[in-house]
């Protein structure tokens, strides 16, 4: 990939990548960091990543960075010994979108990621499987379970399709 292709990739995917990271992290600064780190890693691998696959590469990288950050945060939370200032404070939320985000937060991290990739970002099952390292059957099962859990919380039988 050359510089022009990299710039096209930035223009085409930075907003969607930011939305994806923001949905996971609920913090604009952390989401910006994930996007920046993802594009930095793409920049460092310009000679190995094809322009056609840059979207998949970016979302895979962002997903992995989010998982790593989540693991670190759990470690810090577990060993914080009451130092609340270490933890990210979550602001009270209002509205339908905020309620949906709270429901998504109750899902296991892998299910939440898959719902965001499929239903928010519109990735195909195979693309999600490639990004996460899961086989396509597991992707479909996890998505079904996530949607079923959300349906039970919402009470709308049309949610699971």
C-alpha atoms as a PDB file:
ATOM      1  CA  UNK A   1       0.000   0.000   0.000  1.00  0.00           C
ATOM      2  CA  UNK A   2       1.360   3.429  -0.867  1.00  0.00           C
ATOM      3  CA  UNK A   3       0.801   6.798   0.836  1.00  0.00           C
ATOM      4  CA  UNK A   4      -2.199   7.686  -1.338  1.00  0.00           C
ATOM      5  CA  UNK A   5      -3.876   4.365  -0.533  1.00  0.00           C
ATOM      6  CA  UNK A   6      -3.181   4.883   3.170  1.00  0.00           C
ATOM      7  CA  UNK A   7      -4.779   8.334   3.021  1.00  0.00           C
ATOM      8  CA  UNK A   8      -7.823   6.895   1.239  1.00  0.00           C
ATOM      9  CA  UNK A   9      -8.067   4.284   3.969  1.00  0.00           C
ATOM     10  CA  UNK A  10      -7.940   6.976   6.674  1.00  0.00           C
ATOM     11  CA  UNK A  11     -10.635   8.997   4.916  1.00  0.00           C
ATOM     12  CA  UNK A  12     -12.851   5.981   4.344  1.00  0.00           C
ATOM     13  CA  UNK A  13     -12.657   4.298   7.754  1.00  0.00           C
ATOM     14  CA  UNK A  14     -11.656   6.709  10.521  1.00  0.00           C
ATOM     15  CA  UNK A  15     -15.217   7.735  11.453  1.00  0.00           C
ATOM     16  CA  UNK A  16     -16.555   4.172  11.577  1.00  0.00           C
ATOM     17  CA  UNK A  17     -13.511   3.011  13.528  1.00  0.00           C
ATOM     18  CA  UNK A  18     -14.023   5.826  16.039  1.00  0.00           C
ATOM     19  CA  UNK A  19     -17.722   4.938  16.477  1.00  0.00           C
ATOM     20  CA  UNK A  20     -16.770   1.301  17.008  1.00  0.00           C
ATOM     21  CA  UNK A  21     -14.172   2.171  19.657  1.00  0.00           C
ATOM     22  CA  UNK A  22     -16.468   4.687  21.333  1.00  0.00           C
ATOM     23  CA  UNK A  23     -19.280   2.141  21.612  1.00  0.00           C
ATOM     24  CA  UNK A  24     -16.902  -0.224  23.374  1.00  0.00           C
ATOM     25  CA  UNK A  25     -15.101   2.218  25.610  1.00  0.00           C
ATOM     26  CA  UNK A  26     -17.716   4.928  26.283  1.00  0.00           C
ATOM     27  CA  UNK A  27     -14.888   7.451  26.446  1.00  0.00           C
ATOM     28  CA  UNK A  28     -13.984   9.781  23.580  1.00  0.00           C
ATOM     29  CA  UNK A  29     -10.308  10.150  24.485  1.00  0.00           C
ATOM     30  CA  UNK A  30      -9.751   6.415  24.800  1.00  0.00           C
ATOM     31  CA  UNK A  31     -11.628   5.843  21.535  1.00  0.00           C
ATOM     32  CA  UNK A  32      -9.393   8.400  19.794  1.00  0.00           C
ATOM     33  CA  UNK A  33      -6.345   6.614  21.195  1.00  0.00           C
ATOM     34  CA  UNK A  34      -7.568   3.286  19.810  1.00  0.00           C
ATOM     35  CA  UNK A  35      -8.153   4.823  16.370  1.00  0.00           C
ATOM     36  CA  UNK A  36      -4.742   6.479  16.388  1.00  0.00           C
ATOM     37  CA  UNK A  37      -3.009   3.284  17.503  1.00  0.00           C
ATOM     38  CA  UNK A  38      -4.865   1.287  14.838  1.00  0.00           C
ATOM     39  CA  UNK A  39      -3.794   3.644  12.061  1.00  0.00           C
ATOM     40  CA  UNK A  40      -0.250   3.722  13.433  1.00  0.00           C
ATOM     41  CA  UNK A  41      -0.076  -0.067  13.255  1.00  0.00           C
ATOM     42  CA  UNK A  42      -1.419   0.062   9.700  1.00  0.00           C
ATOM     43  CA  UNK A  43       1.243   2.653   8.831  1.00  0.00           C
ATOM     44  CA  UNK A  44       3.954   0.376  10.215  1.00  0.00           C
ATOM     45  CA  UNK A  45       2.690  -2.470   8.011  1.00  0.00           C
ATOM     46  CA  UNK A  46       2.063  -0.545   4.787  1.00  0.00           C
ATOM     47  CA  UNK A  47       4.179  -2.975   2.822  1.00  0.00           C
ATOM     48  CA  UNK A  48       2.233  -6.044   4.030  1.00  0.00           C
ATOM     49  CA  UNK A  49      -1.408  -4.854   4.134  1.00  0.00           C
ATOM     50  CA  UNK A  50      -3.327  -4.624   0.877  1.00  0.00           C
ATOM     51  CA  UNK A  51      -5.604  -1.610   0.423  1.00  0.00           C
ATOM     52  CA  UNK A  52      -8.569  -3.914  -0.157  1.00  0.00           C
ATOM     53  CA  UNK A  53      -8.063  -5.442   3.305  1.00  0.00           C
ATOM     54  CA  UNK A  54      -7.310  -2.247   5.227  1.00  0.00           C
ATOM     55  CA  UNK A  55     -10.842  -2.030   6.696  1.00  0.00           C
ATOM     56  CA  UNK A  56     -10.644  -5.542   8.070  1.00  0.00           C
ATOM     57  CA  UNK A  57      -7.109  -4.946   9.340  1.00  0.00           C
ATOM     58  CA  UNK A  58      -8.120  -1.729  11.120  1.00  0.00           C
ATOM     59  CA  UNK A  59     -11.176  -3.205  12.829  1.00  0.00           C
ATOM     60  CA  UNK A  60      -9.257  -6.329  13.830  1.00  0.00           C
ATOM     61  CA  UNK A  61      -6.500  -4.177  15.290  1.00  0.00           C
ATOM     62  CA  UNK A  62      -8.984  -1.915  17.086  1.00  0.00           C
ATOM     63  CA  UNK A  63     -10.841  -4.931  18.464  1.00  0.00           C
ATOM     64  CA  UNK A  64      -7.602  -6.426  19.798  1.00  0.00           C
ATOM     65  CA  UNK A  65      -6.516  -3.114  21.332  1.00  0.00           C
ATOM     66  CA  UNK A  66      -9.907  -2.736  23.022  1.00  0.00           C
ATOM     67  CA  UNK A  67      -9.703  -6.267  24.424  1.00  0.00           C
ATOM     68  CA  UNK A  68      -6.175  -5.584  25.707  1.00  0.00           C
ATOM     69  CA  UNK A  69      -7.292  -2.319  27.292  1.00  0.00           C
ATOM     70  CA  UNK A  70     -10.274  -4.035  28.868  1.00  0.00           C
ATOM     71  CA  UNK A  71      -8.036  -6.717  30.370  1.00  0.00           C
ATOM     72  CA  UNK A  72      -5.689  -4.089  31.779  1.00  0.00           C
ATOM     73  CA  UNK A  73      -8.624  -2.147  33.215  1.00  0.00           C
ATOM     74  CA  UNK A  74      -9.959  -5.276  34.937  1.00  0.00           C
ATOM     75  CA  UNK A  75      -6.511  -5.868  36.395  1.00  0.00           C
ATOM     76  CA  UNK A  76      -6.307  -2.280  37.650  1.00  0.00           C
ATOM     77  CA  UNK A  77      -9.844  -2.516  39.013  1.00  0.00           C
ATOM     78  CA  UNK A  78      -9.075  -5.743  40.831  1.00  0.00           C
ATOM     79  CA  UNK A  79      -5.903  -4.391  42.422  1.00  0.00           C
ATOM     80  CA  UNK A  80      -6.842  -0.753  42.898  1.00  0.00           C
ATOM     81  CA  UNK A  81      -7.354  -1.228  46.653  1.00  0.00           C
ATOM     82  CA  UNK A  82     -10.058   1.390  46.810  1.00  0.00           C
ATOM     83  CA  UNK A  83      -8.348   4.041  44.707  1.00  0.00           C
ATOM     84  CA  UNK A  84     -11.416   5.160  42.793  1.00  0.00           C
ATOM     85  CA  UNK A  85      -9.471   7.818  40.924  1.00  0.00           C
ATOM     86  CA  UNK A  86      -7.767   5.083  38.881  1.00  0.00           C
ATOM     87  CA  UNK A  87     -11.042   3.967  37.385  1.00  0.00           C
ATOM     88  CA  UNK A  88     -12.801   5.753  34.567  1.00  0.00           C
ATOM     89  CA  UNK A  89     -15.865   7.509  35.896  1.00  0.00           C
ATOM     90  CA  UNK A  90     -19.005   6.875  33.880  1.00  0.00           C
ATOM     91  CA  UNK A  91     -21.382   9.761  33.546  1.00  0.00           C
ATOM     92  CA  UNK A  92     -25.101   9.186  34.067  1.00  0.00           C
ATOM     93  CA  UNK A  93     -26.819   8.521  30.741  1.00  0.00           C
ATOM     94  CA  UNK A  94     -30.298   9.287  29.496  1.00  0.00           C
ATOM     95  CA  UNK A  95     -32.396   8.303  26.510  1.00  0.00           C
ATOM     96  CA  UNK A  96     -33.030   5.293  24.368  1.00  0.00           C
ATOM     97  CA  UNK A  97     -29.525   5.059  22.905  1.00  0.00           C
ATOM     98  CA  UNK A  98     -28.022   5.274  26.366  1.00  0.00           C
ATOM     99  CA  UNK A  99     -30.361   2.537  27.592  1.00  0.00           C
ATOM    100  CA  UNK A 100     -29.289   0.333  24.688  1.00  0.00           C
ATOM    101  CA  UNK A 101     -25.647   1.003  25.533  1.00  0.00           C
ATOM    102  CA  UNK A 102     -26.300  -0.044  29.132  1.00  0.00           C
ATOM    103  CA  UNK A 103     -27.887  -3.256  27.873  1.00  0.00           C
ATOM    104  CA  UNK A 104     -24.944  -3.902  25.560  1.00  0.00           C
ATOM    105  CA  UNK A 105     -22.634  -3.432  28.538  1.00  0.00           C
ATOM    106  CA  UNK A 106     -24.322  -6.373  30.277  1.00  0.00           C
ATOM    107  CA  UNK A 107     -23.277  -8.747  27.491  1.00  0.00           C
ATOM    108  CA  UNK A 108     -20.026 -10.697  27.675  1.00  0.00           C
ATOM    109  CA  UNK A 109     -17.281  -8.735  25.862  1.00  0.00           C
ATOM    110  CA  UNK A 110     -17.117 -11.064  22.848  1.00  0.00           C
ATOM    111  CA  UNK A 111     -20.883 -10.925  22.301  1.00  0.00           C
ATOM    112  CA  UNK A 112     -20.860  -7.139  22.652  1.00  0.00           C
ATOM    113  CA  UNK A 113     -18.058  -6.864  20.092  1.00  0.00           C
ATOM    114  CA  UNK A 114     -19.857  -9.098  17.633  1.00  0.00           C
ATOM    115  CA  UNK A 115     -23.133  -7.171  17.955  1.00  0.00           C
ATOM    116  CA  UNK A 116     -21.297  -3.908  17.332  1.00  0.00           C
ATOM    117  CA  UNK A 117     -19.387  -5.288  14.357  1.00  0.00           C
ATOM    118  CA  UNK A 118     -22.430  -6.893  12.731  1.00  0.00           C
ATOM    119  CA  UNK A 119     -25.346  -4.652  13.640  1.00  0.00           C
ATOM    120  CA  UNK A 120     -23.670  -1.272  14.007  1.00  0.00           C
ATOM    121  CA  UNK A 121     -20.823  -1.429  11.508  1.00  0.00           C
ATOM    122  CA  UNK A 122     -22.445  -3.866   9.065  1.00  0.00           C
ATOM    123  CA  UNK A 123     -19.617  -6.377   8.702  1.00  0.00           C
ATOM    124  CA  UNK A 124     -20.411  -9.729   7.104  1.00  0.00           C
ATOM    125  CA  UNK A 125     -20.221 -12.868   9.241  1.00  0.00           C
ATOM    126  CA  UNK A 126     -17.074 -14.038   7.456  1.00  0.00           C
ATOM    127  CA  UNK A 127     -15.359 -10.668   7.945  1.00  0.00           C
ATOM    128  CA  UNK A 128     -16.169 -10.823  11.655  1.00  0.00           C
ATOM    129  CA  UNK A 129     -14.851 -14.375  11.837  1.00  0.00           C
ATOM    130  CA  UNK A 130     -11.611 -13.273  10.178  1.00  0.00           C
ATOM    131  CA  UNK A 131     -11.248 -10.287  12.513  1.00  0.00           C
ATOM    132  CA  UNK A 132     -11.903 -12.143  15.738  1.00  0.00           C
ATOM    133  CA  UNK A 133     -10.330 -15.484  14.922  1.00  0.00           C
ATOM    134  CA  UNK A 134     -13.616 -17.303  15.584  1.00  0.00           C
ATOM    135  CA  UNK A 135     -15.149 -19.650  13.060  1.00  0.00           C
ATOM    136  CA  UNK A 136     -18.307 -18.424  11.367  1.00  0.00           C
ATOM    137  CA  UNK A 137     -20.545 -20.853  13.259  1.00  0.00           C
ATOM    138  CA  UNK A 138     -19.358 -19.468  16.600  1.00  0.00           C
ATOM    139  CA  UNK A 139     -19.911 -15.918  15.370  1.00  0.00           C
ATOM    140  CA  UNK A 140     -23.510 -16.777  14.499  1.00  0.00           C
ATOM    141  CA  UNK A 141     -24.084 -18.589  17.810  1.00  0.00           C
ATOM    142  CA  UNK A 142     -22.638 -15.729  19.869  1.00  0.00           C
ATOM    143  CA  UNK A 143     -24.709 -13.207  17.927  1.00  0.00           C
ATOM    144  CA  UNK A 144     -27.859 -15.264  18.420  1.00  0.00           C
ATOM    145  CA  UNK A 145     -27.206 -15.517  22.162  1.00  0.00           C
ATOM    146  CA  UNK A 146     -26.454 -11.807  22.430  1.00  0.00           C
ATOM    147  CA  UNK A 147     -29.605 -10.855  20.561  1.00  0.00           C
ATOM    148  CA  UNK A 148     -31.628 -13.315  22.643  1.00  0.00           C
ATOM    149  CA  UNK A 149     -30.281 -11.752  25.856  1.00  0.00           C
ATOM    150  CA  UNK A 150     -31.080  -8.270  24.561  1.00  0.00           C
ATOM    151  CA  UNK A 151     -34.544  -9.427  23.514  1.00  0.00           C
ATOM    152  CA  UNK A 152     -35.216 -10.712  27.029  1.00  0.00           C
ATOM    153  CA  UNK A 153     -34.128  -7.395  28.524  1.00  0.00           C
ATOM    154  CA  UNK A 154     -36.177  -5.370  26.042  1.00  0.00           C
ATOM    155  CA  UNK A 155     -39.110  -7.741  25.742  1.00  0.00           C
ATOM    156  CA  UNK A 156     -39.403  -7.482  21.944  1.00  0.00           C
ATOM    157  CA  UNK A 157     -39.640 -10.882  20.184  1.00  0.00           C
ATOM    158  CA  UNK A 158     -38.844  -9.342  16.777  1.00  0.00           C
ATOM    159  CA  UNK A 159     -35.314  -8.456  17.904  1.00  0.00           C
ATOM    160  CA  UNK A 160     -33.894 -11.925  17.274  1.00  0.00           C
ATOM    161  CA  UNK A 161     -33.843 -12.457  13.523  1.00  0.00           C
END
